[in-house]
């Protein structure tokens, strides 16, 4: 889904979904997204999608979001 080589034609990612359960990114997807943004591409994080998944500090660094609360 987010392997960096699959994203080469794109300039920006837009998230508008809470990253949890069925929408949690795999470790490989997290690495791909981190590489995408680290390589100078854009990322737009809307509303609730700024909540940082547990164990993914880079996402918090990029979004400035808060940690997800367990429900």
PDB file of N, CA and C in Angstrom:
ATOM      1  N   UNK A   1       0.811  -1.192   0.000  1.00  0.00           N
ATOM      2  CA  UNK A   1       0.000   0.000   0.000  1.00  0.00           C
ATOM      3  C   UNK A   1       0.856   1.259   0.000  1.00  0.00           C
ATOM      4  N   UNK A   2       1.804   1.382   0.903  1.00  0.00           N
ATOM      5  CA  UNK A   2       2.602   2.594   0.996  1.00  0.00           C
ATOM      6  C   UNK A   2       4.085   2.349   0.760  1.00  0.00           C
ATOM      7  N   UNK A   3       4.429   1.316   0.047  1.00  0.00           N
ATOM      8  CA  UNK A   3       5.839   1.090  -0.261  1.00  0.00           C
ATOM      9  C   UNK A   3       6.328   2.292  -1.050  1.00  0.00           C
ATOM     10  N   UNK A   4       7.485   2.822  -0.684  1.00  0.00           N
ATOM     11  CA  UNK A   4       7.958   4.067  -1.282  1.00  0.00           C
ATOM     12  C   UNK A   4       8.061   3.989  -2.803  1.00  0.00           C
ATOM     13  N   UNK A   5       8.416   2.835  -3.356  1.00  0.00           N
ATOM     14  CA  UNK A   5       8.512   2.725  -4.809  1.00  0.00           C
ATOM     15  C   UNK A   5       7.137   2.808  -5.476  1.00  0.00           C
ATOM     16  N   UNK A   6       6.080   2.457  -4.759  1.00  0.00           N
ATOM     17  CA  UNK A   6       4.727   2.551  -5.298  1.00  0.00           C
ATOM     18  C   UNK A   6       4.217   3.989  -5.284  1.00  0.00           C
ATOM     19  N   UNK A   7       4.861   4.862  -4.545  1.00  0.00           N
ATOM     20  CA  UNK A   7       4.404   6.235  -4.380  1.00  0.00           C
ATOM     21  C   UNK A   7       5.189   7.238  -5.218  1.00  0.00           C
ATOM     22  N   UNK A   8       6.071   6.767  -6.060  1.00  0.00           N
ATOM     23  CA  UNK A   8       6.965   7.665  -6.783  1.00  0.00           C
ATOM     24  C   UNK A   8       6.235   8.654  -7.694  1.00  0.00           C
ATOM     25  N   UNK A   9       5.023   8.334  -8.124  1.00  0.00           N
ATOM     26  CA  UNK A   9       4.268   9.237  -8.993  1.00  0.00           C
ATOM     27  C   UNK A   9       3.466  10.278  -8.219  1.00  0.00           C
ATOM     28  N   UNK A  10       3.510  10.213  -6.898  1.00  0.00           N
ATOM     29  CA  UNK A  10       2.699  11.107  -6.071  1.00  0.00           C
ATOM     30  C   UNK A  10       3.566  12.144  -5.370  1.00  0.00           C
ATOM     31  N   UNK A  11       2.958  13.291  -5.076  1.00  0.00           N
ATOM     32  CA  UNK A  11       3.658  14.366  -4.379  1.00  0.00           C
ATOM     33  C   UNK A  11       3.203  14.543  -2.942  1.00  0.00           C
ATOM     34  N   UNK A  12       2.030  14.016  -2.624  1.00  0.00           N
ATOM     35  CA  UNK A  12       1.481  14.218  -1.282  1.00  0.00           C
ATOM     36  C   UNK A  12       0.568  13.052  -0.896  1.00  0.00           C
ATOM     37  N   UNK A  13       0.563  12.729   0.402  1.00  0.00           N
ATOM     38  CA  UNK A  13      -0.384  11.774   0.980  1.00  0.00           C
ATOM     39  C   UNK A  13      -1.385  12.566   1.803  1.00  0.00           C
ATOM     40  N   UNK A  14      -2.648  12.171   1.756  1.00  0.00           N
ATOM     41  CA  UNK A  14      -3.684  12.808   2.566  1.00  0.00           C
ATOM     42  C   UNK A  14      -4.352  11.732   3.406  1.00  0.00           C
ATOM     43  N   UNK A  15      -4.317  11.913   4.731  1.00  0.00           N
ATOM     44  CA  UNK A  15      -4.974  10.986   5.649  1.00  0.00           C
ATOM     45  C   UNK A  15      -6.156  11.699   6.289  1.00  0.00           C
ATOM     46  N   UNK A  16      -7.292  11.021   6.345  1.00  0.00           N
ATOM     47  CA  UNK A  16      -8.481  11.548   6.999  1.00  0.00           C
ATOM     48  C   UNK A  16      -9.177  10.423   7.756  1.00  0.00           C
ATOM     49  N   UNK A  17      -8.397   9.524   8.304  1.00  0.00           N
ATOM     50  CA  UNK A  17      -8.924   8.361   9.012  1.00  0.00           C
ATOM     51  C   UNK A  17      -8.059   8.077  10.229  1.00  0.00           C
ATOM     52  N   UNK A  18      -8.682   7.675  11.293  1.00  0.00           N
ATOM     53  CA  UNK A  18      -7.958   7.250  12.487  1.00  0.00           C
ATOM     54  C   UNK A  18      -7.196   5.976  12.158  1.00  0.00           C
ATOM     55  N   UNK A  19      -5.910   5.925  12.441  1.00  0.00           N
ATOM     56  CA  UNK A  19      -5.066   4.758  12.151  1.00  0.00           C
ATOM     57  C   UNK A  19      -5.204   3.736  13.272  1.00  0.00           C
ATOM     58  N   UNK A  20      -6.227   2.913  13.200  1.00  0.00           N
ATOM     59  CA  UNK A  20      -6.403   1.874  14.215  1.00  0.00           C
ATOM     60  C   UNK A  20      -7.177   0.716  13.621  1.00  0.00           C
ATOM     61  N   UNK A  21      -7.020  -0.435  14.205  1.00  0.00           N
ATOM     62  CA  UNK A  21      -7.658  -1.678  13.774  1.00  0.00           C
ATOM     63  C   UNK A  21      -7.448  -1.914  12.285  1.00  0.00           C
ATOM     64  N   UNK A  22      -8.483  -1.918  11.463  1.00  0.00           N
ATOM     65  CA  UNK A  22      -8.365  -2.243  10.048  1.00  0.00           C
ATOM     66  C   UNK A  22      -7.624  -1.212   9.219  1.00  0.00           C
ATOM     67  N   UNK A  23      -7.370  -0.035   9.779  1.00  0.00           N
ATOM     68  CA  UNK A  23      -6.664   1.000   9.030  1.00  0.00           C
ATOM     69  C   UNK A  23      -5.240   1.236   9.544  1.00  0.00           C
ATOM     70  N   UNK A  24      -4.781   0.400  10.462  1.00  0.00           N
ATOM     71  CA  UNK A  24      -3.418   0.522  10.961  1.00  0.00           C
ATOM     72  C   UNK A  24      -2.440   0.117   9.867  1.00  0.00           C
ATOM     73  N   UNK A  25      -1.398   0.890   9.684  1.00  0.00           N
ATOM     74  CA  UNK A  25      -0.393   0.573   8.674  1.00  0.00           C
ATOM     75  C   UNK A  25       0.549  -0.502   9.186  1.00  0.00           C
ATOM     76  N   UNK A  26       0.984  -1.372   8.289  1.00  0.00           N
ATOM     77  CA  UNK A  26       1.982  -2.378   8.649  1.00  0.00           C
ATOM     78  C   UNK A  26       3.321  -1.685   8.863  1.00  0.00           C
ATOM     79  N   UNK A  27       4.272  -2.389   9.429  1.00  0.00           N
ATOM     80  CA  UNK A  27       5.607  -1.821   9.630  1.00  0.00           C
ATOM     81  C   UNK A  27       6.212  -1.412   8.290  1.00  0.00           C
ATOM     82  N   UNK A  28       6.064  -2.247   7.260  1.00  0.00           N
ATOM     83  CA  UNK A  28       6.586  -1.900   5.932  1.00  0.00           C
ATOM     84  C   UNK A  28       5.925  -0.634   5.384  1.00  0.00           C
ATOM     85  N   UNK A  29       4.623  -0.495   5.598  1.00  0.00           N
ATOM     86  CA  UNK A  29       3.922   0.710   5.149  1.00  0.00           C
ATOM     87  C   UNK A  29       4.368   1.936   5.931  1.00  0.00           C
ATOM     88  N   UNK A  30       4.619   1.767   7.219  1.00  0.00           N
ATOM     89  CA  UNK A  30       5.128   2.871   8.034  1.00  0.00           C
ATOM     90  C   UNK A  30       6.488   3.325   7.519  1.00  0.00           C
ATOM     91  N   UNK A  31       7.351   2.363   7.207  1.00  0.00           N
ATOM     92  CA  UNK A  31       8.676   2.690   6.662  1.00  0.00           C
ATOM     93  C   UNK A  31       8.528   3.402   5.317  1.00  0.00           C
ATOM     94  N   UNK A  32       7.626   2.918   4.467  1.00  0.00           N
ATOM     95  CA  UNK A  32       7.395   3.549   3.171  1.00  0.00           C
ATOM     96  C   UNK A  32       6.909   4.980   3.313  1.00  0.00           C
ATOM     97  N   UNK A  33       5.987   5.201   4.246  1.00  0.00           N
ATOM     98  CA  UNK A  33       5.472   6.548   4.465  1.00  0.00           C
ATOM     99  C   UNK A  33       6.551   7.459   5.031  1.00  0.00           C
ATOM    100  N   UNK A  34       7.322   6.951   5.980  1.00  0.00           N
ATOM    101  CA  UNK A  34       8.409   7.736   6.563  1.00  0.00           C
ATOM    102  C   UNK A  34       9.430   8.111   5.494  1.00  0.00           C
ATOM    103  N   UNK A  35       9.763   7.191   4.604  1.00  0.00           N
ATOM    104  CA  UNK A  35      10.695   7.468   3.502  1.00  0.00           C
ATOM    105  C   UNK A  35      10.119   8.480   2.528  1.00  0.00           C
ATOM    106  N   UNK A  36       8.836   8.356   2.233  1.00  0.00           N
ATOM    107  CA  UNK A  36       8.143   9.272   1.332  1.00  0.00           C
ATOM    108  C   UNK A  36       8.250  10.706   1.842  1.00  0.00           C
ATOM    109  N   UNK A  37       7.902  10.895   3.107  1.00  0.00           N
ATOM    110  CA  UNK A  37       7.935  12.230   3.701  1.00  0.00           C
ATOM    111  C   UNK A  37       9.375  12.704   3.884  1.00  0.00           C
ATOM    112  N   UNK A  38      10.253  11.806   4.339  1.00  0.00           N
ATOM    113  CA  UNK A  38      11.664  12.153   4.520  1.00  0.00           C
ATOM    114  C   UNK A  38      12.348  12.519   3.223  1.00  0.00           C
ATOM    115  N   UNK A  39      11.813  12.023   2.108  1.00  0.00           N
ATOM    116  CA  UNK A  39      12.373  12.335   0.797  1.00  0.00           C
ATOM    117  C   UNK A  39      11.866  13.647   0.227  1.00  0.00           C
ATOM    118  N   UNK A  40      11.108  14.398   1.026  1.00  0.00           N
ATOM    119  CA  UNK A  40      10.667  15.717   0.599  1.00  0.00           C
ATOM    120  C   UNK A  40       9.247  15.784   0.067  1.00  0.00           C
ATOM    121  N   UNK A  41       8.524  14.681   0.115  1.00  0.00           N
ATOM    122  CA  UNK A  41       7.141  14.687  -0.354  1.00  0.00           C
ATOM    123  C   UNK A  41       6.233  15.205   0.760  1.00  0.00           C
ATOM    124  N   UNK A  42       4.993  15.531   0.408  1.00  0.00           N
ATOM    125  CA  UNK A  42       4.076  16.141   1.359  1.00  0.00           C
ATOM    126  C   UNK A  42       3.172  15.158   2.068  1.00  0.00           C
ATOM    127  N   UNK A  43       2.635  15.619   3.184  1.00  0.00           N
ATOM    128  CA  UNK A  43       1.681  14.837   3.963  1.00  0.00           C
ATOM    129  C   UNK A  43       0.671  15.786   4.580  1.00  0.00           C
ATOM    130  N   UNK A  44      -0.623  15.527   4.351  1.00  0.00           N
ATOM    131  CA  UNK A  44      -1.703  16.300   4.941  1.00  0.00           C
ATOM    132  C   UNK A  44      -2.462  15.378   5.883  1.00  0.00           C
ATOM    133  N   UNK A  45      -2.564  15.808   7.107  1.00  0.00           N
ATOM    134  CA  UNK A  45      -3.190  15.016   8.160  1.00  0.00           C
ATOM    135  C   UNK A  45      -4.425  15.766   8.638  1.00  0.00           C
ATOM    136  N   UNK A  46      -5.608  15.244   8.328  1.00  0.00           N
ATOM    137  CA  UNK A  46      -6.857  15.914   8.676  1.00  0.00           C
ATOM    138  C   UNK A  46      -7.470  15.346   9.949  1.00  0.00           C
ATOM    139  N   UNK A  47      -7.911  16.221  10.806  1.00  0.00           N
ATOM    140  CA  UNK A  47      -8.696  15.935  11.997  1.00  0.00           C
ATOM    141  C   UNK A  47      -8.164  14.738  12.790  1.00  0.00           C
ATOM    142  N   UNK A  48      -8.939  13.702  12.955  1.00  0.00           N
ATOM    143  CA  UNK A  48      -8.630  12.576  13.840  1.00  0.00           C
ATOM    144  C   UNK A  48      -7.431  11.754  13.361  1.00  0.00           C
ATOM    145  N   UNK A  49      -7.054  11.887  12.109  1.00  0.00           N
ATOM    146  CA  UNK A  49      -5.934  11.093  11.606  1.00  0.00           C
ATOM    147  C   UNK A  49      -4.608  11.502  12.239  1.00  0.00           C
ATOM    148  N   UNK A  50      -4.598  12.589  13.011  1.00  0.00           N
ATOM    149  CA  UNK A  50      -3.385  13.006  13.712  1.00  0.00           C
ATOM    150  C   UNK A  50      -3.078  12.209  14.950  1.00  0.00           C
ATOM    151  N   UNK A  51      -4.003  11.364  15.381  1.00  0.00           N
ATOM    152  CA  UNK A  51      -3.737  10.525  16.555  1.00  0.00           C
ATOM    153  C   UNK A  51      -2.636   9.530  16.218  1.00  0.00           C
ATOM    154  N   UNK A  52      -1.616   9.517  17.027  1.00  0.00           N
ATOM    155  CA  UNK A  52      -0.453   8.677  16.761  1.00  0.00           C
ATOM    156  C   UNK A  52      -0.690   7.237  17.195  1.00  0.00           C
ATOM    157  N   UNK A  53      -0.514   6.294  16.279  1.00  0.00           N
ATOM    158  CA  UNK A  53      -0.618   4.883  16.660  1.00  0.00           C
ATOM    159  C   UNK A  53       0.471   4.519  17.675  1.00  0.00           C
ATOM    160  N   UNK A  54       0.154   3.607  18.568  1.00  0.00           N
ATOM    161  CA  UNK A  54       1.140   3.161  19.551  1.00  0.00           C
ATOM    162  C   UNK A  54       2.356   2.580  18.842  1.00  0.00           C
ATOM    163  N   UNK A  55       3.531   2.912  19.334  1.00  0.00           N
ATOM    164  CA  UNK A  55       4.755   2.328  18.808  1.00  0.00           C
ATOM    165  C   UNK A  55       5.251   2.936  17.508  1.00  0.00           C
ATOM    166  N   UNK A  56       4.681   4.050  17.081  1.00  0.00           N
ATOM    167  CA  UNK A  56       5.134   4.684  15.837  1.00  0.00           C
ATOM    168  C   UNK A  56       5.458   6.145  16.125  1.00  0.00           C
ATOM    169  N   UNK A  57       6.585   6.375  16.760  1.00  0.00           N
ATOM    170  CA  UNK A  57       6.988   7.713  17.186  1.00  0.00           C
ATOM    171  C   UNK A  57       7.144   8.679  16.013  1.00  0.00           C
ATOM    172  N   UNK A  58       7.565   8.176  14.855  1.00  0.00           N
ATOM    173  CA  UNK A  58       7.752   9.051  13.689  1.00  0.00           C
ATOM    174  C   UNK A  58       6.432   9.693  13.262  1.00  0.00           C
ATOM    175  N   UNK A  59       5.348   8.977  13.384  1.00  0.00           N
ATOM    176  CA  UNK A  59       4.040   9.522  13.015  1.00  0.00           C
ATOM    177  C   UNK A  59       3.699  10.698  13.923  1.00  0.00           C
ATOM    178  N   UNK A  60       3.960  10.536  15.205  1.00  0.00           N
ATOM    179  CA  UNK A  60       3.735  11.635  16.146  1.00  0.00           C
ATOM    180  C   UNK A  60       4.620  12.822  15.789  1.00  0.00           C
ATOM    181  N   UNK A  61       5.868  12.564  15.436  1.00  0.00           N
ATOM    182  CA  UNK A  61       6.781  13.645  15.061  1.00  0.00           C
ATOM    183  C   UNK A  61       6.281  14.417  13.840  1.00  0.00           C
ATOM    184  N   UNK A  62       5.751  13.697  12.862  1.00  0.00           N
ATOM    185  CA  UNK A  62       5.277  14.314  11.620  1.00  0.00           C
ATOM    186  C   UNK A  62       3.966  15.080  11.849  1.00  0.00           C
ATOM    187  N   UNK A  63       3.044  14.494  12.608  1.00  0.00           N
ATOM    188  CA  UNK A  63       1.719  15.092  12.757  1.00  0.00           C
ATOM    189  C   UNK A  63       1.595  16.039  13.951  1.00  0.00           C
ATOM    190  N   UNK A  64       2.442  15.826  14.959  1.00  0.00           N
ATOM    191  CA  UNK A  64       2.275  16.591  16.188  1.00  0.00           C
ATOM    192  C   UNK A  64       1.039  16.138  16.959  1.00  0.00           C
ATOM    193  N   UNK A  65       0.493  14.986  16.553  1.00  0.00           N
ATOM    194  CA  UNK A  65      -0.727  14.474  17.164  1.00  0.00           C
ATOM    195  C   UNK A  65      -0.485  13.876  18.539  1.00  0.00           C
ATOM    196  N   UNK A  66      -1.554  13.446  19.135  1.00  0.00           N
ATOM    197  CA  UNK A  66      -1.481  12.831  20.449  1.00  0.00           C
ATOM    198  C   UNK A  66      -1.625  11.327  20.320  1.00  0.00           C
ATOM    199  N   UNK A  67      -1.263  10.633  21.366  1.00  0.00           N
ATOM    200  CA  UNK A  67      -1.381   9.172  21.368  1.00  0.00           C
ATOM    201  C   UNK A  67      -2.848   8.776  21.407  1.00  0.00           C
ATOM    202  N   UNK A  68      -3.175   7.662  20.753  1.00  0.00           N
ATOM    203  CA  UNK A  68      -4.558   7.157  20.783  1.00  0.00           C
ATOM    204  C   UNK A  68      -4.868   6.631  22.170  1.00  0.00           C
ATOM    205  N   UNK A  69      -6.076   6.834  22.585  1.00  0.00           N
ATOM    206  CA  UNK A  69      -6.536   6.306  23.863  1.00  0.00           C
ATOM    207  C   UNK A  69      -7.207   4.961  23.602  1.00  0.00           C
ATOM    208  N   UNK A  70      -7.003   4.013  24.480  1.00  0.00           N
ATOM    209  CA  UNK A  70      -7.682   2.717  24.346  1.00  0.00           C
ATOM    210  C   UNK A  70      -9.162   2.900  24.642  1.00  0.00           C
ATOM    211  N   UNK A  71      -9.985   2.183  23.892  1.00  0.00           N
ATOM    212  CA  UNK A  71     -11.431   2.306  24.133  1.00  0.00           C
ATOM    213  C   UNK A  71     -11.970   1.094  24.842  1.00  0.00           C
TER     214      UNK A  71
END
